[in-house]
PDB file of N, CA and C in Angstrom:
ATOM      1  N   MET A   1      81.249  89.375  79.769  1.00  0.00           N
ATOM      2  CA  MET A   1      82.222  89.649  80.814  1.00  0.00           C
ATOM      3  C   MET A   1      82.528  88.363  81.578  1.00  0.00           C
ATOM      4  N   ASP A   2      83.788  88.120  81.799  1.00  0.00           N
ATOM      5  CA  ASP A   2      84.211  86.920  82.518  1.00  0.00           C
ATOM      6  C   ASP A   2      84.146  87.189  84.020  1.00  0.00           C
ATOM      7  N   VAL A   3      83.197  86.565  84.678  1.00  0.00           N
ATOM      8  CA  VAL A   3      82.996  86.783  86.110  1.00  0.00           C
ATOM      9  C   VAL A   3      84.181  86.271  86.915  1.00  0.00           C
ATOM     10  N   SER A   4      84.824  85.208  86.469  1.00  0.00           N
ATOM     11  CA  SER A   4      85.947  84.640  87.217  1.00  0.00           C
ATOM     12  C   SER A   4      87.119  85.611  87.302  1.00  0.00           C
ATOM     13  N   ALA A   5      87.239  86.512  86.345  1.00  0.00           N
ATOM     14  CA  ALA A   5      88.334  87.488  86.363  1.00  0.00           C
ATOM     15  C   ALA A   5      88.126  88.537  87.446  1.00  0.00           C
ATOM     16  N   THR A   6      86.877  88.771  87.816  1.00  0.00           N
ATOM     17  CA  THR A   6      86.591  89.788  88.834  1.00  0.00           C
ATOM     18  C   THR A   6      86.527  89.199  90.237  1.00  0.00           C
ATOM     19  N   ARG A   7      86.447  87.886  90.320  1.00  0.00           N
ATOM     20  CA  ARG A   7      86.377  87.220  91.616  1.00  0.00           C
ATOM     21  C   ARG A   7      87.733  87.200  92.299  1.00  0.00           C
ATOM     22  N   SER A   8      87.698  87.250  93.596  1.00  0.00           N
ATOM     23  CA  SER A   8      88.914  87.170  94.402  1.00  0.00           C
ATOM     24  C   SER A   8      89.442  85.737  94.370  1.00  0.00           C
ATOM     25  N   HIS A   9      90.742  85.598  94.401  1.00  0.00           N
ATOM     26  CA  HIS A   9      91.384  84.280  94.442  1.00  0.00           C
ATOM     27  C   HIS A   9      92.035  84.128  95.809  1.00  0.00           C
ATOM     28  N   PRO A  10      91.318  83.527  96.774  1.00  0.00           N
ATOM     29  CA  PRO A  10      91.831  83.432  98.147  1.00  0.00           C
ATOM     30  C   PRO A  10      93.198  82.760  98.248  1.00  0.00           C
ATOM     31  N   THR A  11      93.428  81.719  97.455  1.00  0.00           N
ATOM     32  CA  THR A  11      94.708  81.015  97.525  1.00  0.00           C
ATOM     33  C   THR A  11      95.844  81.919  97.089  1.00  0.00           C
ATOM     34  N   LEU A  12      95.640  82.653  96.007  1.00  0.00           N
ATOM     35  CA  LEU A  12      96.657  83.577  95.517  1.00  0.00           C
ATOM     36  C   LEU A  12      96.892  84.699  96.524  1.00  0.00           C
ATOM     37  N   GLU A  13      95.815  85.219  97.084  1.00  0.00           N
ATOM     38  CA  GLU A  13      95.941  86.286  98.084  1.00  0.00           C
ATOM     39  C   GLU A  13      96.681  85.788  99.318  1.00  0.00           C
ATOM     40  N   LEU A  14      96.387  84.569  99.743  1.00  0.00           N
ATOM     41  CA  LEU A  14      97.061  83.992 100.901  1.00  0.00           C
ATOM     42  C   LEU A  14      98.546  83.800 100.612  1.00  0.00           C
ATOM     43  N   SER A  15      98.863  83.312  99.428  1.00  0.00           N
ATOM     44  CA  SER A  15     100.262  83.123  99.043  1.00  0.00           C
ATOM     45  C   SER A  15     101.015  84.447  99.043  1.00  0.00           C
ATOM     46  N   ARG A  16     100.382  85.476  98.510  1.00  0.00           N
ATOM     47  CA  ARG A  16     101.018  86.805  98.489  1.00  0.00           C
ATOM     48  C   ARG A  16     101.205  87.334  99.903  1.00  0.00           C
ATOM     49  N   SER A  17     100.220  87.106 100.749  1.00  0.00           N
ATOM     50  CA  SER A  17     100.300  87.569 102.131  1.00  0.00           C
ATOM     51  C   SER A  17     101.434  86.868 102.873  1.00  0.00           C
ATOM     52  N   ILE A  18     101.554  85.570 102.675  1.00  0.00           N
ATOM     53  CA  ILE A  18     102.630  84.805 103.310  1.00  0.00           C
ATOM     54  C   ILE A  18     103.985  85.276 102.797  1.00  0.00           C
ATOM     55  N   ALA A  19     104.092  85.479 101.489  1.00  0.00           N
ATOM     56  CA  ALA A  19     105.350  85.951 100.904  1.00  0.00           C
ATOM     57  C   ALA A  19     105.715  87.327 101.450  1.00  0.00           C
ATOM     58  N   SER A  20     104.732  88.196 101.583  1.00  0.00           N
ATOM     59  CA  SER A  20     104.980  89.535 102.138  1.00  0.00           C
ATOM     60  C   SER A  20     105.446  89.436 103.583  1.00  0.00           C
ATOM     61  N   GLY A  21     104.807  88.581 104.338  1.00  0.00           N
ATOM     62  CA  GLY A  21     105.190  88.386 105.740  1.00  0.00           C
ATOM     63  C   GLY A  21     106.604  87.859 105.871  1.00  0.00           C
ATOM     64  N   MET A  22     106.973  86.933 104.997  1.00  0.00           N
ATOM     65  CA  MET A  22     108.326  86.378 105.027  1.00  0.00           C
ATOM     66  C   MET A  22     109.353  87.441 104.656  1.00  0.00           C
ATOM     67  N   LEU A  23     109.039  88.258 103.668  1.00  0.00           N
ATOM     68  CA  LEU A  23     109.945  89.326 103.256  1.00  0.00           C
ATOM     69  C   LEU A  23     110.140  90.328 104.396  1.00  0.00           C
ATOM     70  N   ILE A  24     109.057  90.692 105.048  1.00  0.00           N
ATOM     71  CA  ILE A  24     109.146  91.620 106.181  1.00  0.00           C
ATOM     72  C   ILE A  24     110.000  91.010 107.288  1.00  0.00           C
ATOM     73  N   GLN A  25     109.802  89.730 107.562  1.00  0.00           N
ATOM     74  CA  GLN A  25     110.569  89.054 108.609  1.00  0.00           C
ATOM     75  C   GLN A  25     112.060  89.050 108.269  1.00  0.00           C
ATOM     76  N   GLU A  26     112.403  88.807 107.007  1.00  0.00           N
ATOM     77  CA  GLU A  26     113.805  88.829 106.578  1.00  0.00           C
ATOM     78  C   GLU A  26     114.399  90.223 106.744  1.00  0.00           C
ATOM     79  N   LYS A  27     113.643  91.250 106.366  1.00  0.00           N
ATOM     80  CA  LYS A  27     114.123  92.636 106.481  1.00  0.00           C
ATOM     81  C   LYS A  27     114.327  93.023 107.945  1.00  0.00           C
ATOM     82  N   VAL A  28     113.412  92.601 108.817  1.00  0.00           N
ATOM     83  CA  VAL A  28     113.536  92.894 110.246  1.00  0.00           C
ATOM     84  C   VAL A  28     114.781  92.217 110.807  1.00  0.00           C
ATOM     85  N   GLN A  29     115.020  90.976 110.414  1.00  0.00           N
ATOM     86  CA  GLN A  29     116.196  90.248 110.894  1.00  0.00           C
ATOM     87  C   GLN A  29     117.479  90.944 110.440  1.00  0.00           C
ATOM     88  N   THR A  30     117.525  91.375 109.186  1.00  0.00           N
ATOM     89  CA  THR A  30     118.690  92.088 108.664  1.00  0.00           C
ATOM     90  C   THR A  30     118.898  93.390 109.425  1.00  0.00           C
ATOM     91  N   LEU A  31     117.828  94.123 109.655  1.00  0.00           N
ATOM     92  CA  LEU A  31     117.906  95.383 110.389  1.00  0.00           C
ATOM     93  C   LEU A  31     118.382  95.145 111.817  1.00  0.00           C
ATOM     94  N   TYR A  32     117.857  94.116 112.463  1.00  0.00           N
ATOM     95  CA  TYR A  32     118.235  93.789 113.835  1.00  0.00           C
ATOM     96  C   TYR A  32     119.723  93.468 113.922  1.00  0.00           C
ATOM     97  N   MET A  33     120.222  92.695 112.964  1.00  0.00           N
ATOM     98  CA  MET A  33     121.644  92.352 112.942  1.00  0.00           C
ATOM     99  C   MET A  33     122.493  93.600 112.723  1.00  0.00           C
ATOM    100  N   SER A  34     122.070  94.468 111.830  1.00  0.00           N
ATOM    101  CA  SER A  34     122.804  95.708 111.564  1.00  0.00           C
ATOM    102  C   SER A  34     122.819  96.606 112.796  1.00  0.00           C
ATOM    103  N   LEU A  35     121.686  96.713 113.456  1.00  0.00           N
ATOM    104  CA  LEU A  35     121.623  97.529 114.672  1.00  0.00           C
ATOM    105  C   LEU A  35     122.514  96.952 115.768  1.00  0.00           C
ATOM    106  N   GLY A  36     122.583  95.644 115.853  1.00  0.00           N
ATOM    107  CA  GLY A  36     123.465  94.993 116.826  1.00  0.00           C
ATOM    108  C   GLY A  36     124.921  95.319 116.553  1.00  0.00           C
ATOM    109  N   GLU A  37     125.295  95.320 115.276  1.00  0.00           N
ATOM    110  CA  GLU A  37     126.666  95.673 114.909  1.00  0.00           C
ATOM    111  C   GLU A  37     126.958  97.121 115.274  1.00  0.00           C
ATOM    112  N   ILE A  38     126.021  98.003 114.982  1.00  0.00           N
ATOM    113  CA  ILE A  38     126.199  99.428 115.296  1.00  0.00           C
ATOM    114  C   ILE A  38     126.302  99.616 116.809  1.00  0.00           C
ATOM    115  N   GLU A  39     125.449  98.928 117.545  1.00  0.00           N
ATOM    116  CA  GLU A  39     125.479  99.036 119.004  1.00  0.00           C
ATOM    117  C   GLU A  39     126.815  98.539 119.542  1.00  0.00           C
ATOM    118  N   GLY A  40     127.311  97.456 118.981  1.00  0.00           N
ATOM    119  CA  GLY A  40     128.612  96.925 119.393  1.00  0.00           C
ATOM    120  C   GLY A  40     129.719  97.928 119.124  1.00  0.00           C
ATOM    121  N   LEU A  41     129.672  98.567 117.973  1.00  0.00           N
ATOM    122  CA  LEU A  41     130.675  99.577 117.637  1.00  0.00           C
ATOM    123  C   LEU A  41     130.576 100.757 118.595  1.00  0.00           C
ATOM    124  N   THR A  42     129.357 101.149 118.923  1.00  0.00           N
ATOM    125  CA  THR A  42     129.149 102.268 119.847  1.00  0.00           C
ATOM    126  C   THR A  42     129.682 101.917 121.230  1.00  0.00           C
ATOM    127  N   ASN A  43     129.414 100.693 121.689  1.00  0.00           N
ATOM    128  CA  ASN A  43     129.907 100.263 123.001  1.00  0.00           C
ATOM    129  C   ASN A  43     131.427 100.227 123.018  1.00  0.00           C
ATOM    130  N   ASP A  44     132.047  99.734 121.949  1.00  0.00           N
ATOM    131  CA  ASP A  44     133.504  99.691 121.856  1.00  0.00           C
ATOM    132  C   ASP A  44     134.077 101.097 121.924  1.00  0.00           C
ATOM    133  N   LYS A  45     133.444 102.025 121.248  1.00  0.00           N
ATOM    134  CA  LYS A  45     133.917 103.407 121.220  1.00  0.00           C
ATOM    135  C   LYS A  45     133.814 104.027 122.616  1.00  0.00           C
ATOM    136  N   GLN A  46     132.757 103.711 123.349  1.00  0.00           N
ATOM    137  CA  GLN A  46     132.576 104.253 124.697  1.00  0.00           C
ATOM    138  C   GLN A  46     133.647 103.713 125.637  1.00  0.00           C
ATOM    139  N   LEU A  47     134.050 102.473 125.454  1.00  0.00           N
ATOM    140  CA  LEU A  47     135.073 101.874 126.303  1.00  0.00           C
ATOM    141  C   LEU A  47     136.431 102.526 126.078  1.00  0.00           C
ATOM    142  N   MET A  48     136.655 103.063 124.893  1.00  0.00           N
ATOM    143  CA  MET A  48     137.935 103.674 124.565  1.00  0.00           C
ATOM    144  C   MET A  48     138.067 105.069 125.175  1.00  0.00           C
ATOM    145  N   HIS A  49     136.949 105.674 125.549  1.00  0.00           N
ATOM    146  CA  HIS A  49     137.006 107.047 126.089  1.00  0.00           C
ATOM    147  C   HIS A  49     137.265 107.042 127.557  1.00  0.00           C
TER     148      HIS A  49
END
């Protein structure tokens, strides 16, 4: 049995964690921008009433 295959690879795990964090940050930014657009549309609609 190859012991190295069962061992954790901290560098790989760290890289995956950083990549996951970056992806989450990008998704949050996209969501925030979309919500801002929706809020702007809602405010515009309220001004028309």
